[in-house]
Amino acid sequence: MDHLLDKDLELKDVVQVGEERFFVSTIKMEVRHSWLNQHENVFVYETMVFEKKEGIVQYQHPLYNTRYASYDEALNGHNKIVKNLEHIVKTTRECRAKIN
């Protein structure tokens, strides 16, 4: 087991893309989707991107999310998402438009 997985992580950024604002959050979290005893106390790191509308983060509708197995991957992934958020927002919206 990666000893870095024991590290807590809580990164928060508000990123402006054009006239819109987005909340980018990366945290360490316990996986609670499993139902097998062997999956108790499983942790991952997750980055989620939420739109901010009128100053309110839209937690119920994440725009994008991804998970990581290690602290270092999460830290690097968070920074990459913040840096490339304009492209991520555009691509995600285009894909959603095609399936809706």
Protein backbone atom coordinates (compact mmCIF):
# COMPACT_ATOMS: atom_id res chain seq x y z
CA MET A 1 0.00 0.00 0.00
CA ASP A 2 1.26 3.46 -0.88
CA HIS A 3 2.19 5.18 2.39
CA LEU A 4 1.26 8.50 0.77
CA LEU A 5 -2.37 7.37 0.64
CA ASP A 6 -2.41 8.03 4.38
CA LYS A 7 -2.01 11.76 3.70
CA ASP A 8 -5.07 13.94 3.89
CA LEU A 9 -5.61 16.37 1.07
CA GLU A 10 -7.97 19.27 0.63
CA LEU A 11 -7.32 21.60 -2.29
CA LYS A 12 -9.80 24.29 -3.30
CA ASP A 13 -9.60 26.73 -6.21
CA VAL A 14 -12.07 29.10 -7.84
CA VAL A 15 -11.22 29.45 -11.53
CA GLN A 16 -12.58 32.04 -13.96
CA VAL A 17 -13.34 30.87 -17.51
CA GLY A 18 -14.69 33.74 -19.57
CA GLU A 19 -17.56 35.20 -17.57
CA GLU A 20 -18.11 32.00 -15.57
CA ARG A 21 -16.60 30.81 -12.30
CA PHE A 22 -15.89 27.20 -11.36
CA PHE A 23 -15.03 25.55 -8.05
CA VAL A 24 -12.29 22.90 -8.29
CA SER A 25 -12.01 20.67 -5.23
CA THR A 26 -9.65 17.75 -4.56
CA ILE A 27 -10.05 15.70 -1.40
CA LYS A 28 -9.17 12.35 0.12
CA MET A 29 -12.32 10.31 0.59
CA GLU A 30 -13.47 6.91 1.72
CA VAL A 31 -15.07 4.76 -0.98
CA ARG A 32 -18.50 3.85 0.29
CA HIS A 33 -19.95 2.44 -2.94
CA SER A 34 -18.70 -1.07 -2.20
CA TRP A 35 -20.74 -3.70 -0.39
CA LEU A 36 -18.10 -6.33 0.21
CA ASN A 37 -16.38 -6.53 3.59
CA GLN A 38 -12.99 -6.66 1.88
CA HIS A 39 -13.58 -3.12 0.65
CA GLU A 40 -13.89 -1.46 4.04
CA ASN A 41 -11.59 1.49 4.69
CA VAL A 42 -10.73 2.00 1.02
CA PHE A 43 -9.62 5.56 0.30
CA VAL A 44 -9.09 7.44 -2.96
CA TYR A 45 -8.43 11.03 -3.90
CA GLU A 46 -11.02 12.78 -6.03
CA THR A 47 -11.18 16.03 -7.95
CA MET A 48 -14.55 17.51 -8.79
CA VAL A 49 -15.41 20.62 -10.79
CA PHE A 50 -18.61 22.52 -10.03
CA GLU A 51 -20.14 25.56 -11.69
CA LYS A 52 -20.71 28.65 -9.57
CA LYS A 53 -23.95 30.45 -10.37
CA GLU A 54 -24.68 33.76 -8.69
CA GLY A 55 -21.92 32.97 -6.20
CA ILE A 56 -23.38 29.58 -5.23
CA VAL A 57 -21.47 26.36 -5.91
CA GLN A 58 -23.73 23.87 -7.74
CA TYR A 59 -22.73 20.78 -5.71
CA GLN A 60 -25.67 18.71 -6.95
CA HIS A 61 -24.45 18.89 -10.59
CA PRO A 62 -20.69 18.29 -10.91
CA LEU A 63 -19.37 19.25 -14.30
CA TYR A 64 -16.36 16.93 -14.16
CA ASN A 65 -14.70 14.49 -11.79
CA THR A 66 -11.76 12.10 -11.68
CA ARG A 67 -10.13 9.90 -9.06
CA TYR A 68 -6.55 9.05 -8.16
CA ALA A 69 -4.83 6.27 -6.26
CA SER A 70 -2.11 8.39 -4.64
CA TYR A 71 -1.50 11.76 -3.04
CA ASP A 72 1.04 12.77 -5.69
CA GLU A 73 -1.31 11.85 -8.55
CA ALA A 74 -4.08 13.90 -6.91
CA LEU A 75 -1.86 16.92 -6.38
CA ASN A 76 -0.61 16.84 -9.98
CA GLY A 77 -4.09 16.11 -11.34
CA HIS A 78 -5.67 19.01 -9.45
CA ASN A 79 -3.08 21.44 -10.78
CA LYS A 80 -3.49 20.11 -14.33
CA ILE A 81 -7.27 20.54 -14.16
CA VAL A 82 -6.95 24.11 -12.87
CA LYS A 83 -4.49 24.91 -15.67
CA ASN A 84 -6.65 23.31 -18.40
CA LEU A 85 -10.11 24.09 -17.08
CA GLU A 86 -11.26 26.07 -20.12
CA HIS A 87 -10.64 23.04 -22.37
CA ILE A 88 -12.25 20.65 -19.85
CA VAL A 89 -15.39 22.79 -19.59
CA LYS A 90 -15.71 23.12 -23.37
CA THR A 91 -15.16 19.41 -24.03
CA THR A 92 -17.49 18.27 -21.25
CA ARG A 93 -20.29 20.54 -22.45
CA GLU A 94 -19.86 19.42 -26.06
CA CYS A 95 -20.02 15.74 -25.04
CA ARG A 96 -23.08 16.27 -22.87
CA ALA A 97 -24.84 18.10 -25.69
CA LYS A 98 -24.32 15.09 -27.96
CA ILE A 99 -25.88 12.60 -25.55
CA ASN A 100 -28.82 14.76 -24.42
